[in-house]
Amino acid sequence: MRADELLEAGDMDGRRVWLRVLEAVRELSSKELPKGTAVH
């Protein structure tokens, strides 16, 4: 995982960005809507 590589290299900002990207991908690929959202 890229975030692990960045952690080993000491790039905490880069790691943080990749973890946010991973979370966004999980949200976008989820079949359930997040709480408090509506379909337009």
C-alpha atoms as a PDB file:
ATOM      1  CA  MET A   1       0.000   0.000   0.000  1.00  0.00           C
ATOM      2  CA  ARG A   2       1.307   3.410  -0.931  1.00  0.00           C
ATOM      3  CA  ALA A   3       0.484   4.884   2.499  1.00  0.00           C
ATOM      4  CA  ASP A   4       2.748   2.290   4.132  1.00  0.00           C
ATOM      5  CA  GLU A   5       5.588   3.153   1.771  1.00  0.00           C
ATOM      6  CA  LEU A   6       5.211   6.824   2.616  1.00  0.00           C
ATOM      7  CA  LEU A   7       5.177   6.053   6.337  1.00  0.00           C
ATOM      8  CA  GLU A   8       8.438   4.127   6.001  1.00  0.00           C
ATOM      9  CA  ALA A   9       9.932   7.077   4.112  1.00  0.00           C
ATOM     10  CA  GLY A  10       8.811   9.468   6.864  1.00  0.00           C
ATOM     11  CA  ASP A  11       6.393  11.367   4.614  1.00  0.00           C
ATOM     12  CA  MET A  12       3.517  11.872   7.044  1.00  0.00           C
ATOM     13  CA  ASP A  13       1.725  14.435   4.861  1.00  0.00           C
ATOM     14  CA  GLY A  14       1.817  12.118   1.855  1.00  0.00           C
ATOM     15  CA  ARG A  15       0.589   9.237   3.995  1.00  0.00           C
ATOM     16  CA  ARG A  16      -2.297  11.337   5.292  1.00  0.00           C
ATOM     17  CA  VAL A  17      -3.315  12.236   1.728  1.00  0.00           C
ATOM     18  CA  TRP A  18      -3.310   8.592   0.605  1.00  0.00           C
ATOM     19  CA  LEU A  19      -5.369   7.539   3.620  1.00  0.00           C
ATOM     20  CA  ARG A  20      -7.938  10.197   2.723  1.00  0.00           C
ATOM     21  CA  VAL A  21      -7.988   8.949  -0.870  1.00  0.00           C
ATOM     22  CA  LEU A  22      -8.566   5.405   0.360  1.00  0.00           C
ATOM     23  CA  GLU A  23     -11.466   6.522   2.560  1.00  0.00           C
ATOM     24  CA  ALA A  24     -13.036   8.438  -0.360  1.00  0.00           C
ATOM     25  CA  VAL A  25     -12.799   5.357  -2.586  1.00  0.00           C
ATOM     26  CA  ARG A  26     -14.503   3.267   0.100  1.00  0.00           C
ATOM     27  CA  GLU A  27     -17.306   5.802   0.412  1.00  0.00           C
ATOM     28  CA  LEU A  28     -17.798   6.048  -3.344  1.00  0.00           C
ATOM     29  CA  SER A  29     -17.856   2.289  -3.814  1.00  0.00           C
ATOM     30  CA  SER A  30     -20.271   1.676  -0.937  1.00  0.00           C
ATOM     31  CA  LYS A  31     -23.753   0.521  -1.821  1.00  0.00           C
ATOM     32  CA  GLU A  32     -25.210   2.245   1.253  1.00  0.00           C
ATOM     33  CA  LEU A  33     -25.804   5.972   1.535  1.00  0.00           C
ATOM     34  CA  PRO A  34     -23.991   7.772   4.337  1.00  0.00           C
ATOM     35  CA  LYS A  35     -26.221   8.905   7.200  1.00  0.00           C
ATOM     36  CA  GLY A  36     -27.800  12.313   6.675  1.00  0.00           C
ATOM     37  CA  THR A  37     -27.660  12.202   2.871  1.00  0.00           C
ATOM     38  CA  ALA A  38     -30.428  12.208   0.290  1.00  0.00           C
ATOM     39  CA  VAL A  39     -30.631  11.125  -3.328  1.00  0.00           C
ATOM     40  CA  HIS A  40     -31.516  13.952  -5.697  1.00  0.00           C
END
